[in-house]
Amino acid sequence: MRFVPEDFEVPERLEADGFTIRPLHISDAVIDYDAVMTSIDSIRDSYWRAPGWPQDDLTLTQNTVDLGWHTKERQFRTSFAYIPVSPDDRVELGCIYIDPSVKEGFDANVQMWVRASERGNGFDDQLFQTVRAWIERDWPFERVAYPGREISREEWDSLPPKPFSDYHA
């Protein structure tokens, strides 16, 4: 089972109010590392896809490897990582992960985190609303879960898992 159809044109860019959403690339290692390392507690509070991440001792090299992995996932169309960036493309404001759902009843799950410096100014909600509308309008999914936002972690954890073969082509 494919995550997205072969003929689906994966979005490359979304211009939003005061920021742009674009794919996360290996060339973003420095701005991504800065966003992650200045937001460790913020990320851990809002993003729980990978428990224990980010590590307090994460290195730029380790982060670059992670971005290489995300780049390959995009190439294989198995998962998609995007970043919201400032209008000048110099500051990463967070990260968005669009993944096949591992839970019954959903086609995809979308998780995101925002840079700690952006959490108190309403950007977290702005990004969520923007992403939700974008996914509904431009992506081929019928049932999308937003764990930690529209479904609690407890409820998400209690949902039955999909068989492994259903979400790994």
C-alpha atoms as a PDB file:
ATOM      1  CA  MET A   1       0.000   0.000   0.000  1.00  0.00           C
ATOM      2  CA  ARG A   2       1.447   3.351  -1.046  1.00  0.00           C
ATOM      3  CA  PHE A   3       1.360   6.357   1.251  1.00  0.00           C
ATOM      4  CA  VAL A   4       0.541   8.702  -1.626  1.00  0.00           C
ATOM      5  CA  PRO A   5      -0.507   7.749  -5.160  1.00  0.00           C
ATOM      6  CA  GLU A   6       2.227   7.591  -7.793  1.00  0.00           C
ATOM      7  CA  ASP A   7       0.580  10.387  -9.779  1.00  0.00           C
ATOM      8  CA  PHE A   8       0.201  12.674  -6.756  1.00  0.00           C
ATOM      9  CA  GLU A   9       2.273  15.816  -7.114  1.00  0.00           C
ATOM     10  CA  VAL A  10       3.794  16.355  -3.682  1.00  0.00           C
ATOM     11  CA  PRO A  11       3.538  20.024  -2.670  1.00  0.00           C
ATOM     12  CA  GLU A  12       6.828  21.902  -2.734  1.00  0.00           C
ATOM     13  CA  ARG A  13       5.842  25.153  -1.094  1.00  0.00           C
ATOM     14  CA  LEU A  14       3.051  26.912   0.715  1.00  0.00           C
ATOM     15  CA  GLU A  15       3.127  30.665   1.125  1.00  0.00           C
ATOM     16  CA  ALA A  16       1.337  31.561   4.332  1.00  0.00           C
ATOM     17  CA  ASP A  17       0.708  34.709   6.357  1.00  0.00           C
ATOM     18  CA  GLY A  18       4.202  35.760   7.453  1.00  0.00           C
ATOM     19  CA  PHE A  19       6.000  32.481   6.733  1.00  0.00           C
ATOM     20  CA  THR A  20       6.599  29.821   4.098  1.00  0.00           C
ATOM     21  CA  ILE A  21       6.274  26.054   4.434  1.00  0.00           C
ATOM     22  CA  ARG A  22       8.768  24.093   2.364  1.00  0.00           C
ATOM     23  CA  PRO A  23      10.420  20.669   2.405  1.00  0.00           C
ATOM     24  CA  LEU A  24      13.129  20.040   4.980  1.00  0.00           C
ATOM     25  CA  HIS A  25      16.404  19.367   3.139  1.00  0.00           C
ATOM     26  CA  ILE A  26      19.814  18.195   4.223  1.00  0.00           C
ATOM     27  CA  SER A  27      21.081  21.668   3.317  1.00  0.00           C
ATOM     28  CA  ASP A  28      18.968  22.989   6.225  1.00  0.00           C
ATOM     29  CA  ALA A  29      21.191  21.272   8.788  1.00  0.00           C
ATOM     30  CA  VAL A  30      22.425  24.487  10.416  1.00  0.00           C
ATOM     31  CA  ILE A  31      19.074  26.276  10.713  1.00  0.00           C
ATOM     32  CA  ASP A  32      17.357  23.044  11.761  1.00  0.00           C
ATOM     33  CA  TYR A  33      19.982  22.318  14.406  1.00  0.00           C
ATOM     34  CA  ASP A  34      19.562  25.841  15.794  1.00  0.00           C
ATOM     35  CA  ALA A  35      15.775  25.485  15.927  1.00  0.00           C
ATOM     36  CA  VAL A  36      15.995  22.078  17.612  1.00  0.00           C
ATOM     37  CA  MET A  37      18.652  22.932  20.170  1.00  0.00           C
ATOM     38  CA  THR A  38      17.000  26.199  21.226  1.00  0.00           C
ATOM     39  CA  SER A  39      13.652  24.418  21.602  1.00  0.00           C
ATOM     40  CA  ILE A  40      14.362  21.070  23.280  1.00  0.00           C
ATOM     41  CA  ASP A  41      11.788  21.447  26.069  1.00  0.00           C
ATOM     42  CA  SER A  42       9.226  22.983  23.717  1.00  0.00           C
ATOM     43  CA  ILE A  43       9.631  20.091  21.290  1.00  0.00           C
ATOM     44  CA  ARG A  44       9.336  17.495  24.025  1.00  0.00           C
ATOM     45  CA  ASP A  45       6.147  19.166  25.278  1.00  0.00           C
ATOM     46  CA  SER A  46       4.402  19.186  21.913  1.00  0.00           C
ATOM     47  CA  TYR A  47       5.934  16.433  19.828  1.00  0.00           C
ATOM     48  CA  TRP A  48       5.998  12.871  21.070  1.00  0.00           C
ATOM     49  CA  ARG A  49       6.489  10.797  17.935  1.00  0.00           C
ATOM     50  CA  ALA A  50      10.046   9.932  18.968  1.00  0.00           C
ATOM     51  CA  PRO A  51      10.333   9.682  22.758  1.00  0.00           C
ATOM     52  CA  GLY A  52      13.653  10.985  24.045  1.00  0.00           C
ATOM     53  CA  TRP A  53      14.197  13.185  21.013  1.00  0.00           C
ATOM     54  CA  PRO A  54      15.872  15.526  20.740  1.00  0.00           C
ATOM     55  CA  GLN A  55      18.769  14.361  22.834  1.00  0.00           C
ATOM     56  CA  ASP A  56      20.417  17.001  24.999  1.00  0.00           C
ATOM     57  CA  ASP A  57      23.766  16.105  23.429  1.00  0.00           C
ATOM     58  CA  LEU A  58      22.583  16.019  19.796  1.00  0.00           C
ATOM     59  CA  THR A  59      25.407  17.079  17.493  1.00  0.00           C
ATOM     60  CA  LEU A  60      25.216  18.935  14.208  1.00  0.00           C
ATOM     61  CA  THR A  61      26.545  15.801  12.513  1.00  0.00           C
ATOM     62  CA  GLN A  62      23.803  13.623  14.029  1.00  0.00           C
ATOM     63  CA  ASN A  63      21.205  16.194  13.012  1.00  0.00           C
ATOM     64  CA  THR A  64      22.574  16.212   9.460  1.00  0.00           C
ATOM     65  CA  VAL A  65      22.180  12.428   9.323  1.00  0.00           C
ATOM     66  CA  ASP A  66      18.549  12.812  10.448  1.00  0.00           C
ATOM     67  CA  LEU A  67      17.928  15.326   7.664  1.00  0.00           C
ATOM     68  CA  GLY A  68      19.459  12.929   5.160  1.00  0.00           C
ATOM     69  CA  TRP A  69      16.974  10.321   6.343  1.00  0.00           C
ATOM     70  CA  HIS A  70      14.070  12.748   5.888  1.00  0.00           C
ATOM     71  CA  THR A  71      15.351  13.570   2.409  1.00  0.00           C
ATOM     72  CA  LYS A  72      15.318   9.861   1.458  1.00  0.00           C
ATOM     73  CA  GLU A  73      11.822   9.394   2.918  1.00  0.00           C
ATOM     74  CA  ARG A  74      10.616  12.214   0.677  1.00  0.00           C
ATOM     75  CA  GLN A  75      12.406  10.700  -2.334  1.00  0.00           C
ATOM     76  CA  PHE A  76      10.741   7.337  -1.657  1.00  0.00           C
ATOM     77  CA  ARG A  77       7.414   9.111  -0.917  1.00  0.00           C
ATOM     78  CA  THR A  78       7.029   7.244   2.365  1.00  0.00           C
ATOM     79  CA  SER A  79       6.961  10.264   4.673  1.00  0.00           C
ATOM     80  CA  PHE A  80       7.276  14.025   4.327  1.00  0.00           C
ATOM     81  CA  ALA A  81       9.017  16.556   6.561  1.00  0.00           C
ATOM     82  CA  TYR A  82       8.492  20.271   6.061  1.00  0.00           C
ATOM     83  CA  ILE A  83       9.674  23.381   7.833  1.00  0.00           C
ATOM     84  CA  PRO A  84       7.972  26.709   8.277  1.00  0.00           C
ATOM     85  CA  VAL A  85      10.567  29.398   7.700  1.00  0.00           C
ATOM     86  CA  SER A  86      10.757  33.163   8.081  1.00  0.00           C
ATOM     87  CA  PRO A  87      10.056  35.220   4.949  1.00  0.00           C
ATOM     88  CA  ASP A  88      13.818  35.571   4.306  1.00  0.00           C
ATOM     89  CA  ASP A  89      14.247  31.756   4.604  1.00  0.00           C
ATOM     90  CA  ARG A  90      16.922  32.184   7.309  1.00  0.00           C
ATOM     91  CA  VAL A  91      15.070  31.069  10.427  1.00  0.00           C
ATOM     92  CA  GLU A  92      13.340  27.738  10.871  1.00  0.00           C
ATOM     93  CA  LEU A  93      10.191  28.274  12.910  1.00  0.00           C
ATOM     94  CA  GLY A  94       9.397  24.595  13.576  1.00  0.00           C
ATOM     95  CA  CYS A  95       8.868  21.323  11.774  1.00  0.00           C
ATOM     96  CA  ILE A  96       5.935  19.395  10.311  1.00  0.00           C
ATOM     97  CA  TYR A  97       5.883  15.615   9.815  1.00  0.00           C
ATOM     98  CA  ILE A  98       3.349  13.966   7.508  1.00  0.00           C
ATOM     99  CA  ASP A  99       3.473  10.211   8.014  1.00  0.00           C
ATOM    100  CA  PRO A 100       1.405   7.153   7.210  1.00  0.00           C
ATOM    101  CA  SER A 101      -0.755   6.395  10.183  1.00  0.00           C
ATOM    102  CA  VAL A 102       0.249   3.494  12.376  1.00  0.00           C
ATOM    103  CA  LYS A 103      -3.277   3.450  13.843  1.00  0.00           C
ATOM    104  CA  GLU A 104      -6.479   1.957  12.455  1.00  0.00           C
ATOM    105  CA  GLY A 105      -8.980   4.468  11.117  1.00  0.00           C
ATOM    106  CA  PHE A 106      -6.517   7.007   9.719  1.00  0.00           C
ATOM    107  CA  ASP A 107      -4.641   7.388   6.437  1.00  0.00           C
ATOM    108  CA  ALA A 108      -2.048   9.779   7.789  1.00  0.00           C
ATOM    109  CA  ASN A 109      -0.956  11.443  10.942  1.00  0.00           C
ATOM    110  CA  VAL A 110       0.514  14.896  11.121  1.00  0.00           C
ATOM    111  CA  GLN A 111       2.615  16.155  13.986  1.00  0.00           C
ATOM    112  CA  MET A 112       4.446  19.414  14.358  1.00  0.00           C
ATOM    113  CA  TRP A 113       6.420  21.506  16.765  1.00  0.00           C
ATOM    114  CA  VAL A 114       7.321  25.175  16.803  1.00  0.00           C
ATOM    115  CA  ARG A 115      10.472  26.917  17.876  1.00  0.00           C
ATOM    116  CA  ALA A 116      10.366  27.886  21.558  1.00  0.00           C
ATOM    117  CA  SER A 117      10.660  31.588  20.720  1.00  0.00           C
ATOM    118  CA  GLU A 118       7.470  31.317  18.632  1.00  0.00           C
ATOM    119  CA  ARG A 119       5.252  29.481  21.107  1.00  0.00           C
ATOM    120  CA  GLY A 120       4.115  32.482  23.104  1.00  0.00           C
ATOM    121  CA  ASN A 121       3.118  34.659  20.166  1.00  0.00           C
ATOM    122  CA  GLY A 122       0.308  32.478  18.784  1.00  0.00           C
ATOM    123  CA  PHE A 123       2.392  30.927  16.024  1.00  0.00           C
ATOM    124  CA  ASP A 124       1.721  27.371  17.220  1.00  0.00           C
ATOM    125  CA  ASP A 125      -2.018  27.758  16.636  1.00  0.00           C
ATOM    126  CA  GLN A 126      -1.477  29.698  13.401  1.00  0.00           C
ATOM    127  CA  LEU A 127       0.768  26.945  12.052  1.00  0.00           C
ATOM    128  CA  PHE A 128      -1.664  24.213  13.069  1.00  0.00           C
ATOM    129  CA  GLN A 129      -4.621  25.949  11.409  1.00  0.00           C
ATOM    130  CA  THR A 130      -2.566  26.597   8.254  1.00  0.00           C
ATOM    131  CA  VAL A 131      -1.308  23.019   8.060  1.00  0.00           C
ATOM    132  CA  ARG A 132      -4.722  21.503   8.705  1.00  0.00           C
ATOM    133  CA  ALA A 133      -6.274  23.556   5.872  1.00  0.00           C
ATOM    134  CA  TRP A 134      -3.341  22.740   3.564  1.00  0.00           C
ATOM    135  CA  ILE A 135      -3.587  18.997   4.216  1.00  0.00           C
ATOM    136  CA  GLU A 136      -7.341  19.045   3.628  1.00  0.00           C
ATOM    137  CA  ARG A 137      -7.038  21.068   0.418  1.00  0.00           C
ATOM    138  CA  ASP A 138      -3.843  19.758  -1.229  1.00  0.00           C
ATOM    139  CA  TRP A 139      -3.163  16.242   0.027  1.00  0.00           C
ATOM    140  CA  PRO A 140      -4.906  12.966  -0.976  1.00  0.00           C
ATOM    141  CA  PHE A 141      -5.882  11.798   2.504  1.00  0.00           C
ATOM    142  CA  GLU A 142      -9.413  11.105   3.680  1.00  0.00           C
ATOM    143  CA  ARG A 143      -8.774  10.588   7.391  1.00  0.00           C
ATOM    144  CA  VAL A 144      -5.961  12.522   9.041  1.00  0.00           C
ATOM    145  CA  ALA A 145      -5.049  12.374  12.712  1.00  0.00           C
ATOM    146  CA  TYR A 146      -3.361  15.226  14.534  1.00  0.00           C
ATOM    147  CA  PRO A 147      -2.076  13.481  17.654  1.00  0.00           C
ATOM    148  CA  GLY A 148      -1.615  15.860  20.540  1.00  0.00           C
ATOM    149  CA  ARG A 149      -3.885  18.430  18.952  1.00  0.00           C
ATOM    150  CA  GLU A 150      -7.247  16.960  17.934  1.00  0.00           C
ATOM    151  CA  ILE A 151      -6.683  13.674  19.698  1.00  0.00           C
ATOM    152  CA  SER A 152      -5.015  13.260  23.071  1.00  0.00           C
ATOM    153  CA  ARG A 153      -1.926  11.168  23.512  1.00  0.00           C
ATOM    154  CA  GLU A 154      -3.869   8.781  25.741  1.00  0.00           C
ATOM    155  CA  GLU A 155      -6.596   8.331  23.132  1.00  0.00           C
ATOM    156  CA  TRP A 156      -4.002   7.933  20.360  1.00  0.00           C
ATOM    157  CA  ASP A 157      -2.067   5.336  22.335  1.00  0.00           C
ATOM    158  CA  SER A 158      -5.260   3.372  23.000  1.00  0.00           C
ATOM    159  CA  LEU A 159      -6.220   3.078  19.307  1.00  0.00           C
ATOM    160  CA  PRO A 160      -5.570  -0.310  17.674  1.00  0.00           C
ATOM    161  CA  PRO A 161      -2.434  -0.418  15.545  1.00  0.00           C
ATOM    162  CA  LYS A 162      -2.483  -1.121  11.835  1.00  0.00           C
ATOM    163  CA  PRO A 163      -0.721  -4.260  10.710  1.00  0.00           C
ATOM    164  CA  PHE A 164       2.884  -3.420   9.857  1.00  0.00           C
ATOM    165  CA  SER A 165       2.408  -4.225   6.163  1.00  0.00           C
ATOM    166  CA  ASP A 166      -0.387  -1.622   5.901  1.00  0.00           C
ATOM    167  CA  TYR A 167       1.916   1.325   6.465  1.00  0.00           C
ATOM    168  CA  HIS A 168       5.203   0.107   5.005  1.00  0.00           C
ATOM    169  CA  ALA A 169       5.192  -0.447   1.277  1.00  0.00           C
END
